[in-house]
Amino acid sequence: MQLEFFDVPSPCIGVCQSDDKGQCLGCFRTRDERLNWLSLTANQRQKVIKRCLQRKNRKTKPAKSKVAEVIVENKQASLFEAPSQSNIDNSSDVDFGDFEL
C-alpha cells in the first residue's frame, strides 16, 4: 500500500461527450466512473486512470490488419504440399547425386 500525500486529480479534459459505449471521448471514463469519481478512494482513482489509459491506447493505436497476416501466411511454404514450379529456383547448379536417404 502506498501513502498518498496528494489527491488524485480528475482526468477530465473538458470534452464531456460520450461514445456509443458510454465512455467519455475526452478522458475515456465510463458513466459509472464519472458518476462515482468523488466517492472513490485514491487507490480506486488510480486504477480508473490506468483503465482510461488502456482504453485510450486501444482506440488511438491502429488495429492489426488481418489482410497483412493473410499475405504473410500465403508466402510461407507448406510442408505438406508439393512445391509449385514458381517457387523452385533452377538458377543454381547444385549436384545432389551422392545424396542418399
PDB file of N, CA and C in Angstrom:
ATOM      1  N   MET A   1       0.842  -1.174   0.000  1.00  0.00           N
ATOM      2  CA  MET A   1       0.000   0.000   0.000  1.00  0.00           C
ATOM      3  C   MET A   1       0.890   1.242   0.000  1.00  0.00           C
ATOM      4  N   GLN A   2       0.559   2.192  -0.803  1.00  0.00           N
ATOM      5  CA  GLN A   2       1.343   3.407  -0.949  1.00  0.00           C
ATOM      6  C   GLN A   2       0.634   4.568  -0.255  1.00  0.00           C
ATOM      7  N   LEU A   3       1.389   5.373   0.460  1.00  0.00           N
ATOM      8  CA  LEU A   3       0.809   6.545   1.107  1.00  0.00           C
ATOM      9  C   LEU A   3       0.559   7.625   0.072  1.00  0.00           C
ATOM     10  N   GLU A   4      -0.595   8.228   0.156  1.00  0.00           N
ATOM     11  CA  GLU A   4      -0.949   9.291  -0.777  1.00  0.00           C
ATOM     12  C   GLU A   4      -0.899  10.626  -0.063  1.00  0.00           C
ATOM     13  N   PHE A   5      -0.035  11.506  -0.536  1.00  0.00           N
ATOM     14  CA  PHE A   5       0.059  12.834   0.047  1.00  0.00           C
ATOM     15  C   PHE A   5      -0.801  13.846  -0.689  1.00  0.00           C
ATOM     16  N   PHE A   6      -1.084  13.546  -1.964  1.00  0.00           N
ATOM     17  CA  PHE A   6      -1.876  14.457  -2.779  1.00  0.00           C
ATOM     18  C   PHE A   6      -3.079  13.721  -3.327  1.00  0.00           C
ATOM     19  N   ASP A   7      -4.163  14.442  -3.497  1.00  0.00           N
ATOM     20  CA  ASP A   7      -5.369  13.870  -4.070  1.00  0.00           C
ATOM     21  C   ASP A   7      -5.139  13.560  -5.549  1.00  0.00           C
ATOM     22  N   VAL A   8      -5.721  12.477  -6.028  1.00  0.00           N
ATOM     23  CA  VAL A   8      -5.599  12.112  -7.439  1.00  0.00           C
ATOM     24  C   VAL A   8      -6.541  13.006  -8.232  1.00  0.00           C
ATOM     25  N   PRO A   9      -5.992  13.811  -9.167  1.00  0.00           N
ATOM     26  CA  PRO A   9      -6.851  14.735  -9.909  1.00  0.00           C
ATOM     27  C   PRO A   9      -7.715  14.004 -10.933  1.00  0.00           C
ATOM     28  N   SER A  10      -8.808  14.612 -11.262  1.00  0.00           N
ATOM     29  CA  SER A  10      -9.709  14.057 -12.262  1.00  0.00           C
ATOM     30  C   SER A  10      -9.028  14.099 -13.634  1.00  0.00           C
ATOM     31  N   PRO A  11      -9.189  13.046 -14.442  1.00  0.00           N
ATOM     32  CA  PRO A  11      -8.596  13.040 -15.780  1.00  0.00           C
ATOM     33  C   PRO A  11      -9.407  13.844 -16.800  1.00  0.00           C
ATOM     34  N   CYS A  12     -10.476  14.490 -16.346  1.00  0.00           N
ATOM     35  CA  CYS A  12     -11.350  15.233 -17.247  1.00  0.00           C
ATOM     36  C   CYS A  12     -10.572  16.331 -17.968  1.00  0.00           C
ATOM     37  N   ILE A  13     -10.772  16.420 -19.308  1.00  0.00           N
ATOM     38  CA  ILE A  13     -10.122  17.486 -20.087  1.00  0.00           C
ATOM     39  C   ILE A  13     -11.155  18.445 -20.666  1.00  0.00           C
ATOM     40  N   GLY A  14     -12.408  18.298 -20.239  1.00  0.00           N
ATOM     41  CA  GLY A  14     -13.450  19.242 -20.628  1.00  0.00           C
ATOM     42  C   GLY A  14     -14.148  18.944 -21.934  1.00  0.00           C
ATOM     43  N   VAL A  15     -13.941  17.772 -22.524  1.00  0.00           N
ATOM     44  CA  VAL A  15     -14.634  17.424 -23.767  1.00  0.00           C
ATOM     45  C   VAL A  15     -16.063  16.994 -23.466  1.00  0.00           C
ATOM     46  N   CYS A  16     -16.254  16.124 -22.503  1.00  0.00           N
ATOM     47  CA  CYS A  16     -17.558  15.730 -21.962  1.00  0.00           C
ATOM     48  C   CYS A  16     -18.581  15.307 -23.018  1.00  0.00           C
ATOM     49  N   GLN A  17     -18.180  14.410 -23.895  1.00  0.00           N
ATOM     50  CA  GLN A  17     -19.084  13.779 -24.851  1.00  0.00           C
ATOM     51  C   GLN A  17     -18.881  12.276 -24.737  1.00  0.00           C
ATOM     52  N   SER A  18     -19.960  11.519 -24.862  1.00  0.00           N
ATOM     53  CA  SER A  18     -19.879  10.069 -24.727  1.00  0.00           C
ATOM     54  C   SER A  18     -20.008   9.388 -26.075  1.00  0.00           C
ATOM     55  N   ASP A  19     -19.305   8.261 -26.210  1.00  0.00           N
ATOM     56  CA  ASP A  19     -19.467   7.448 -27.412  1.00  0.00           C
ATOM     57  C   ASP A  19     -20.631   6.482 -27.218  1.00  0.00           C
ATOM     58  N   ASP A  20     -20.818   5.560 -28.141  1.00  0.00           N
ATOM     59  CA  ASP A  20     -21.956   4.632 -28.060  1.00  0.00           C
ATOM     60  C   ASP A  20     -21.840   3.645 -26.899  1.00  0.00           C
ATOM     61  N   LYS A  21     -20.649   3.469 -26.344  1.00  0.00           N
ATOM     62  CA  LYS A  21     -20.461   2.588 -25.197  1.00  0.00           C
ATOM     63  C   LYS A  21     -20.602   3.327 -23.871  1.00  0.00           C
ATOM     64  N   GLY A  22     -20.766   4.637 -23.919  1.00  0.00           N
ATOM     65  CA  GLY A  22     -20.899   5.425 -22.708  1.00  0.00           C
ATOM     66  C   GLY A  22     -19.575   5.924 -22.163  1.00  0.00           C
ATOM     67  N   GLN A  23     -18.505   5.744 -22.920  1.00  0.00           N
ATOM     68  CA  GLN A  23     -17.203   6.233 -22.488  1.00  0.00           C
ATOM     69  C   GLN A  23     -17.004   7.659 -22.976  1.00  0.00           C
ATOM     70  N   CYS A  24     -16.408   8.469 -22.130  1.00  0.00           N
ATOM     71  CA  CYS A  24     -16.154   9.866 -22.474  1.00  0.00           C
ATOM     72  C   CYS A  24     -15.104   9.927 -23.580  1.00  0.00           C
ATOM     73  N   LEU A  25     -15.335  10.770 -24.573  1.00  0.00           N
ATOM     74  CA  LEU A  25     -14.386  10.917 -25.680  1.00  0.00           C
ATOM     75  C   LEU A  25     -13.151  11.704 -25.270  1.00  0.00           C
ATOM     76  N   GLY A  26     -13.212  12.388 -24.143  1.00  0.00           N
ATOM     77  CA  GLY A  26     -12.069  13.171 -23.683  1.00  0.00           C
ATOM     78  C   GLY A  26     -11.174  12.417 -22.722  1.00  0.00           C
ATOM     79  N   CYS A  27     -11.757  11.856 -21.660  1.00  0.00           N
ATOM     80  CA  CYS A  27     -10.951  11.204 -20.619  1.00  0.00           C
ATOM     81  C   CYS A  27     -11.078   9.681 -20.636  1.00  0.00           C
ATOM     82  N   PHE A  28     -12.002   9.132 -21.422  1.00  0.00           N
ATOM     83  CA  PHE A  28     -12.211   7.692 -21.586  1.00  0.00           C
ATOM     84  C   PHE A  28     -12.745   7.004 -20.329  1.00  0.00           C
ATOM     85  N   ARG A  29     -13.372   7.764 -19.428  1.00  0.00           N
ATOM     86  CA  ARG A  29     -14.024   7.135 -18.279  1.00  0.00           C
ATOM     87  C   ARG A  29     -15.419   6.684 -18.674  1.00  0.00           C
ATOM     88  N   THR A  30     -15.898   5.633 -18.017  1.00  0.00           N
ATOM     89  CA  THR A  30     -17.265   5.172 -18.241  1.00  0.00           C
ATOM     90  C   THR A  30     -18.228   6.069 -17.475  1.00  0.00           C
ATOM     91  N   ARG A  31     -19.516   5.887 -17.698  1.00  0.00           N
ATOM     92  CA  ARG A  31     -20.520   6.680 -16.981  1.00  0.00           C
ATOM     93  C   ARG A  31     -20.402   6.486 -15.471  1.00  0.00           C
ATOM     94  N   ASP A  32     -20.269   5.235 -15.056  1.00  0.00           N
ATOM     95  CA  ASP A  32     -20.168   4.941 -13.623  1.00  0.00           C
ATOM     96  C   ASP A  32     -18.904   5.556 -13.018  1.00  0.00           C
ATOM     97  N   GLU A  33     -17.802   5.503 -13.745  1.00  0.00           N
ATOM     98  CA  GLU A  33     -16.561   6.081 -13.224  1.00  0.00           C
ATOM     99  C   GLU A  33     -16.676   7.596 -13.078  1.00  0.00           C
ATOM    100  N   ARG A  34     -17.355   8.234 -14.020  1.00  0.00           N
ATOM    101  CA  ARG A  34     -17.554   9.688 -13.914  1.00  0.00           C
ATOM    102  C   ARG A  34     -18.505  10.022 -12.769  1.00  0.00           C
ATOM    103  N   LEU A  35     -19.575   9.245 -12.639  1.00  0.00           N
ATOM    104  CA  LEU A  35     -20.584   9.500 -11.620  1.00  0.00           C
ATOM    105  C   LEU A  35     -20.027   9.313 -10.206  1.00  0.00           C
ATOM    106  N   ASN A  36     -19.216   8.282 -10.017  1.00  0.00           N
ATOM    107  CA  ASN A  36     -18.729   7.927  -8.684  1.00  0.00           C
ATOM    108  C   ASN A  36     -17.339   8.479  -8.371  1.00  0.00           C
ATOM    109  N   TRP A  37     -16.771   9.319  -9.219  1.00  0.00           N
ATOM    110  CA  TRP A  37     -15.396   9.779  -9.053  1.00  0.00           C
ATOM    111  C   TRP A  37     -15.134  10.388  -7.662  1.00  0.00           C
ATOM    112  N   LEU A  38     -16.015  11.208  -7.193  1.00  0.00           N
ATOM    113  CA  LEU A  38     -15.791  11.884  -5.909  1.00  0.00           C
ATOM    114  C   LEU A  38     -15.849  10.935  -4.719  1.00  0.00           C
ATOM    115  N   SER A  39     -16.541   9.813  -4.853  1.00  0.00           N
ATOM    116  CA  SER A  39     -16.649   8.873  -3.737  1.00  0.00           C
ATOM    117  C   SER A  39     -15.578   7.778  -3.779  1.00  0.00           C
ATOM    118  N   LEU A  40     -14.736   7.758  -4.816  1.00  0.00           N
ATOM    119  CA  LEU A  40     -13.690   6.744  -4.919  1.00  0.00           C
ATOM    120  C   LEU A  40     -12.503   7.096  -4.034  1.00  0.00           C
ATOM    121  N   THR A  41     -11.811   6.061  -3.543  1.00  0.00           N
ATOM    122  CA  THR A  41     -10.575   6.286  -2.795  1.00  0.00           C
ATOM    123  C   THR A  41      -9.459   6.617  -3.781  1.00  0.00           C
ATOM    124  N   ALA A  42      -8.339   7.071  -3.276  1.00  0.00           N
ATOM    125  CA  ALA A  42      -7.203   7.427  -4.134  1.00  0.00           C
ATOM    126  C   ALA A  42      -6.717   6.207  -4.923  1.00  0.00           C
ATOM    127  N   ASN A  43      -6.692   5.053  -4.285  1.00  0.00           N
ATOM    128  CA  ASN A  43      -6.268   3.822  -4.960  1.00  0.00           C
ATOM    129  C   ASN A  43      -7.231   3.468  -6.092  1.00  0.00           C
ATOM    130  N   GLN A  44      -8.527   3.583  -5.842  1.00  0.00           N
ATOM    131  CA  GLN A  44      -9.524   3.306  -6.868  1.00  0.00           C
ATOM    132  C   GLN A  44      -9.415   4.301  -8.021  1.00  0.00           C
ATOM    133  N   ARG A  45      -9.137   5.561  -7.707  1.00  0.00           N
ATOM    134  CA  ARG A  45      -8.986   6.566  -8.751  1.00  0.00           C
ATOM    135  C   ARG A  45      -7.781   6.264  -9.641  1.00  0.00           C
ATOM    136  N   GLN A  46      -6.691   5.814  -9.040  1.00  0.00           N
ATOM    137  CA  GLN A  46      -5.519   5.456  -9.832  1.00  0.00           C
ATOM    138  C   GLN A  46      -5.821   4.287 -10.761  1.00  0.00           C
ATOM    139  N   LYS A  47      -6.603   3.327 -10.287  1.00  0.00           N
ATOM    140  CA  LYS A  47      -6.994   2.200 -11.129  1.00  0.00           C
ATOM    141  C   LYS A  47      -7.875   2.657 -12.282  1.00  0.00           C
ATOM    142  N   VAL A  48      -8.761   3.611 -12.021  1.00  0.00           N
ATOM    143  CA  VAL A  48      -9.611   4.155 -13.079  1.00  0.00           C
ATOM    144  C   VAL A  48      -8.747   4.844 -14.127  1.00  0.00           C
ATOM    145  N   ILE A  49      -7.769   5.606 -13.695  1.00  0.00           N
ATOM    146  CA  ILE A  49      -6.893   6.302 -14.636  1.00  0.00           C
ATOM    147  C   ILE A  49      -6.105   5.308 -15.484  1.00  0.00           C
ATOM    148  N   LYS A  50      -5.628   4.216 -14.889  1.00  0.00           N
ATOM    149  CA  LYS A  50      -4.921   3.180 -15.660  1.00  0.00           C
ATOM    150  C   LYS A  50      -5.844   2.567 -16.709  1.00  0.00           C
ATOM    151  N   ARG A  51      -7.094   2.288 -16.323  1.00  0.00           N
ATOM    152  CA  ARG A  51      -8.047   1.729 -17.289  1.00  0.00           C
ATOM    153  C   ARG A  51      -8.332   2.726 -18.406  1.00  0.00           C
ATOM    154  N   CYS A  52      -8.399   4.017 -18.062  1.00  0.00           N
ATOM    155  CA  CYS A  52      -8.633   5.049 -19.078  1.00  0.00           C
ATOM    156  C   CYS A  52      -7.485   5.093 -20.079  1.00  0.00           C
ATOM    157  N   LEU A  53      -6.255   4.975 -19.591  1.00  0.00           N
ATOM    158  CA  LEU A  53      -5.100   4.958 -20.489  1.00  0.00           C
ATOM    159  C   LEU A  53      -5.133   3.747 -21.407  1.00  0.00           C
ATOM    160  N   GLN A  54      -5.546   2.590 -20.873  1.00  0.00           N
ATOM    161  CA  GLN A  54      -5.669   1.389 -21.700  1.00  0.00           C
ATOM    162  C   GLN A  54      -6.731   1.582 -22.779  1.00  0.00           C
ATOM    163  N   ARG A  55      -7.855   2.169 -22.418  1.00  0.00           N
ATOM    164  CA  ARG A  55      -8.920   2.424 -23.402  1.00  0.00           C
ATOM    165  C   ARG A  55      -8.437   3.392 -24.477  1.00  0.00           C
ATOM    166  N   LYS A  56      -7.727   4.430 -24.044  1.00  0.00           N
ATOM    167  CA  LYS A  56      -7.211   5.411 -24.997  1.00  0.00           C
ATOM    168  C   LYS A  56      -6.237   4.749 -25.971  1.00  0.00           C
ATOM    169  N   ASN A  57      -5.349   3.908 -25.469  1.00  0.00           N
ATOM    170  CA  ASN A  57      -4.391   3.216 -26.333  1.00  0.00           C
ATOM    171  C   ASN A  57      -5.086   2.296 -27.329  1.00  0.00           C
ATOM    172  N   ARG A  58      -6.136   1.608 -26.882  1.00  0.00           N
ATOM    173  CA  ARG A  58      -6.868   0.724 -27.795  1.00  0.00           C
ATOM    174  C   ARG A  58      -7.557   1.504 -28.903  1.00  0.00           C
ATOM    175  N   LYS A  59      -8.075   2.697 -28.570  1.00  0.00           N
ATOM    176  CA  LYS A  59      -8.796   3.485 -29.567  1.00  0.00           C
ATOM    177  C   LYS A  59      -7.867   4.227 -30.514  1.00  0.00           C
ATOM    178  N   THR A  60      -6.723   4.673 -30.026  1.00  0.00           N
ATOM    179  CA  THR A  60      -5.859   5.511 -30.851  1.00  0.00           C
ATOM    180  C   THR A  60      -4.841   4.719 -31.654  1.00  0.00           C
ATOM    181  N   LYS A  61      -4.442   3.542 -31.195  1.00  0.00           N
ATOM    182  CA  LYS A  61      -3.484   2.731 -31.955  1.00  0.00           C
ATOM    183  C   LYS A  61      -4.225   2.010 -33.067  1.00  0.00           C
ATOM    184  N   PRO A  62      -3.616   1.950 -34.254  1.00  0.00           N
ATOM    185  CA  PRO A  62      -4.282   1.242 -35.349  1.00  0.00           C
ATOM    186  C   PRO A  62      -4.338  -0.259 -35.062  1.00  0.00           C
ATOM    187  N   ALA A  63      -5.453  -0.842 -35.427  1.00  0.00           N
ATOM    188  CA  ALA A  63      -5.637  -2.278 -35.228  1.00  0.00           C
ATOM    189  C   ALA A  63      -4.760  -3.039 -36.209  1.00  0.00           C
ATOM    190  N   LYS A  64      -4.310  -4.215 -35.794  1.00  0.00           N
ATOM    191  CA  LYS A  64      -3.520  -5.043 -36.692  1.00  0.00           C
ATOM    192  C   LYS A  64      -4.395  -5.493 -37.850  1.00  0.00           C
ATOM    193  N   SER A  65      -3.856  -5.376 -39.013  1.00  0.00           N
ATOM    194  CA  SER A  65      -4.606  -5.734 -40.205  1.00  0.00           C
ATOM    195  C   SER A  65      -4.547  -7.236 -40.434  1.00  0.00           C
ATOM    196  N   LYS A  66      -5.705  -7.856 -40.553  1.00  0.00           N
ATOM    197  CA  LYS A  66      -5.744  -9.278 -40.837  1.00  0.00           C
ATOM    198  C   LYS A  66      -5.334  -9.559 -42.271  1.00  0.00           C
ATOM    199  N   VAL A  67      -5.468  -8.581 -43.151  1.00  0.00           N
ATOM    200  CA  VAL A  67      -5.052  -8.752 -44.541  1.00  0.00           C
ATOM    201  C   VAL A  67      -3.549  -8.975 -44.605  1.00  0.00           C
ATOM    202  N   ALA A  68      -2.777  -8.228 -43.825  1.00  0.00           N
ATOM    203  CA  ALA A  68      -1.334  -8.385 -43.811  1.00  0.00           C
ATOM    204  C   ALA A  68      -0.958  -9.769 -43.289  1.00  0.00           C
ATOM    205  N   GLU A  69      -1.673 -10.282 -42.300  1.00  0.00           N
ATOM    206  CA  GLU A  69      -1.392 -11.606 -41.780  1.00  0.00           C
ATOM    207  C   GLU A  69      -1.658 -12.674 -42.829  1.00  0.00           C
ATOM    208  N   VAL A  70      -2.700 -12.501 -43.631  1.00  0.00           N
ATOM    209  CA  VAL A  70      -3.020 -13.475 -44.672  1.00  0.00           C
ATOM    210  C   VAL A  70      -1.940 -13.465 -45.744  1.00  0.00           C
ATOM    211  N   ILE A  71      -1.454 -12.292 -46.108  1.00  0.00           N
ATOM    212  CA  ILE A  71      -0.412 -12.204 -47.122  1.00  0.00           C
ATOM    213  C   ILE A  71       0.851 -12.898 -46.637  1.00  0.00           C
ATOM    214  N   VAL A  72       1.240 -12.682 -45.397  1.00  0.00           N
ATOM    215  CA  VAL A  72       2.414 -13.346 -44.857  1.00  0.00           C
ATOM    216  C   VAL A  72       2.190 -14.839 -44.804  1.00  0.00           C
ATOM    217  N   GLU A  73       0.997 -15.243 -44.441  1.00  0.00           N
ATOM    218  CA  GLU A  73       0.677 -16.664 -44.357  1.00  0.00           C
ATOM    219  C   GLU A  73       0.767 -17.319 -45.728  1.00  0.00           C
ATOM    220  N   ASN A  74       0.322 -16.631 -46.761  1.00  0.00           N
ATOM    221  CA  ASN A  74       0.371 -17.196 -48.100  1.00  0.00           C
ATOM    222  C   ASN A  74       1.790 -17.307 -48.624  1.00  0.00           C
ATOM    223  N   LYS A  75       2.716 -16.505 -48.161  1.00  0.00           N
ATOM    224  CA  LYS A  75       4.097 -16.561 -48.615  1.00  0.00           C
ATOM    225  C   LYS A  75       4.840 -17.731 -47.994  1.00  0.00           C
ATOM    226  N   GLN A  76       4.376 -18.220 -46.865  1.00  0.00           N
ATOM    227  CA  GLN A  76       5.046 -19.317 -46.190  1.00  0.00           C
ATOM    228  C   GLN A  76       4.808 -20.622 -46.953  1.00  0.00           C
ATOM    229  N   ALA A  77       5.868 -21.350 -47.218  1.00  0.00           N
ATOM    230  CA  ALA A  77       5.757 -22.622 -47.929  1.00  0.00           C
ATOM    231  C   ALA A  77       5.151 -23.672 -47.013  1.00  0.00           C
ATOM    232  N   SER A  78       4.353 -24.532 -47.585  1.00  0.00           N
ATOM    233  CA  SER A  78       3.735 -25.605 -46.824  1.00  0.00           C
ATOM    234  C   SER A  78       4.619 -26.840 -46.858  1.00  0.00           C
ATOM    235  N   LEU A  79       4.723 -27.517 -45.734  1.00  0.00           N
ATOM    236  CA  LEU A  79       5.497 -28.751 -45.678  1.00  0.00           C
ATOM    237  C   LEU A  79       4.697 -29.953 -46.157  1.00  0.00           C
ATOM    238  N   PHE A  80       3.388 -29.782 -46.300  1.00  0.00           N
ATOM    239  CA  PHE A  80       2.520 -30.892 -46.649  1.00  0.00           C
ATOM    240  C   PHE A  80       2.150 -30.930 -48.123  1.00  0.00           C
ATOM    241  N   GLU A  81       2.464 -29.889 -48.861  1.00  0.00           N
ATOM    242  CA  GLU A  81       2.131 -29.829 -50.278  1.00  0.00           C
ATOM    243  C   GLU A  81       3.408 -29.781 -51.103  1.00  0.00           C
ATOM    244  N   ALA A  82       3.304 -30.309 -52.301  1.00  0.00           N
ATOM    245  CA  ALA A  82       4.456 -30.253 -53.200  1.00  0.00           C
ATOM    246  C   ALA A  82       4.709 -28.800 -53.590  1.00  0.00           C
ATOM    247  N   PRO A  83       5.973 -28.415 -53.723  1.00  0.00           N
ATOM    248  CA  PRO A  83       6.258 -27.028 -54.093  1.00  0.00           C
ATOM    249  C   PRO A  83       5.786 -26.733 -55.507  1.00  0.00           C
ATOM    250  N   SER A  84       5.301 -25.522 -55.682  1.00  0.00           N
ATOM    251  CA  SER A  84       4.863 -25.131 -57.014  1.00  0.00           C
ATOM    252  C   SER A  84       6.078 -24.792 -57.861  1.00  0.00           C
ATOM    253  N   GLN A  85       5.917 -24.820 -59.168  1.00  0.00           N
ATOM    254  CA  GLN A  85       7.035 -24.553 -60.068  1.00  0.00           C
ATOM    255  C   GLN A  85       7.550 -23.128 -59.922  1.00  0.00           C
ATOM    256  N   SER A  86       6.682 -22.198 -59.544  1.00  0.00           N
ATOM    257  CA  SER A  86       7.106 -20.810 -59.419  1.00  0.00           C
ATOM    258  C   SER A  86       8.018 -20.608 -58.213  1.00  0.00           C
ATOM    259  N   ASN A  87       7.970 -21.512 -57.213  1.00  0.00           N
ATOM    260  CA  ASN A  87       8.798 -21.370 -56.025  1.00  0.00           C
ATOM    261  C   ASN A  87      10.157 -22.049 -56.178  1.00  0.00           C
ATOM    262  N   ILE A  88      10.344 -22.854 -57.212  1.00  0.00           N
ATOM    263  CA  ILE A  88      11.588 -23.580 -57.402  1.00  0.00           C
ATOM    264  C   ILE A  88      12.568 -22.706 -58.170  1.00  0.00           C
ATOM    265  N   ASP A  89      13.766 -22.571 -57.617  1.00  0.00           N
ATOM    266  CA  ASP A  89      14.804 -21.751 -58.247  1.00  0.00           C
ATOM    267  C   ASP A  89      15.796 -22.693 -58.922  1.00  0.00           C
ATOM    268  N   ASN A  90      15.797 -22.715 -60.239  1.00  0.00           N
ATOM    269  CA  ASN A  90      16.687 -23.583 -61.004  1.00  0.00           C
ATOM    270  C   ASN A  90      17.946 -22.859 -61.447  1.00  0.00           C
ATOM    271  N   SER A  91      18.166 -21.662 -60.995  1.00  0.00           N
ATOM    272  CA  SER A  91      19.301 -20.880 -61.455  1.00  0.00           C
ATOM    273  C   SER A  91      20.629 -21.379 -60.895  1.00  0.00           C
ATOM    274  N   SER A  92      20.624 -22.038 -59.748  1.00  0.00           N
ATOM    275  CA  SER A  92      21.880 -22.530 -59.177  1.00  0.00           C
ATOM    276  C   SER A  92      22.064 -23.985 -59.572  1.00  0.00           C
ATOM    277  N   ASP A  93      23.283 -24.347 -59.923  1.00  0.00           N
ATOM    278  CA  ASP A  93      23.612 -25.716 -60.326  1.00  0.00           C
ATOM    279  C   ASP A  93      24.200 -26.445 -59.131  1.00  0.00           C
ATOM    280  N   VAL A  94      23.333 -27.113 -58.363  1.00  0.00           N
ATOM    281  CA  VAL A  94      23.758 -27.861 -57.196  1.00  0.00           C
ATOM    282  C   VAL A  94      23.573 -29.327 -57.517  1.00  0.00           C
ATOM    283  N   ASP A  95      24.608 -30.109 -57.278  1.00  0.00           N
ATOM    284  CA  ASP A  95      24.561 -31.531 -57.562  1.00  0.00           C
ATOM    285  C   ASP A  95      24.311 -32.307 -56.295  1.00  0.00           C
ATOM    286  N   PHE A  96      23.210 -33.040 -56.260  1.00  0.00           N
ATOM    287  CA  PHE A  96      22.875 -33.881 -55.134  1.00  0.00           C
ATOM    288  C   PHE A  96      22.987 -35.357 -55.520  1.00  0.00           C
ATOM    289  N   GLY A  97      23.843 -35.681 -56.454  1.00  0.00           N
ATOM    290  CA  GLY A  97      23.967 -37.061 -56.965  1.00  0.00           C
ATOM    291  C   GLY A  97      24.405 -38.050 -55.926  1.00  0.00           C
ATOM    292  N   ASP A  98      25.232 -37.654 -54.966  1.00  0.00           N
ATOM    293  CA  ASP A  98      25.728 -38.590 -53.956  1.00  0.00           C
ATOM    294  C   ASP A  98      24.882 -38.591 -52.672  1.00  0.00           C
ATOM    295  N   PHE A  99      23.745 -37.924 -52.703  1.00  0.00           N
ATOM    296  CA  PHE A  99      22.889 -37.846 -51.516  1.00  0.00           C
ATOM    297  C   PHE A  99      21.994 -39.064 -51.441  1.00  0.00           C
ATOM    298  N   GLU A 100      21.963 -39.738 -50.286  1.00  0.00           N
ATOM    299  CA  GLU A 100      21.124 -40.914 -50.094  1.00  0.00           C
ATOM    300  C   GLU A 100      20.216 -40.674 -48.897  1.00  0.00           C
ATOM    301  N   LEU A 101      19.037 -41.277 -48.949  1.00  0.00           N
ATOM    302  CA  LEU A 101      18.121 -41.225 -47.823  1.00  0.00           C
ATOM    303  C   LEU A 101      18.303 -42.393 -46.920  1.00  0.00           C
TER     304      LEU A 101
END
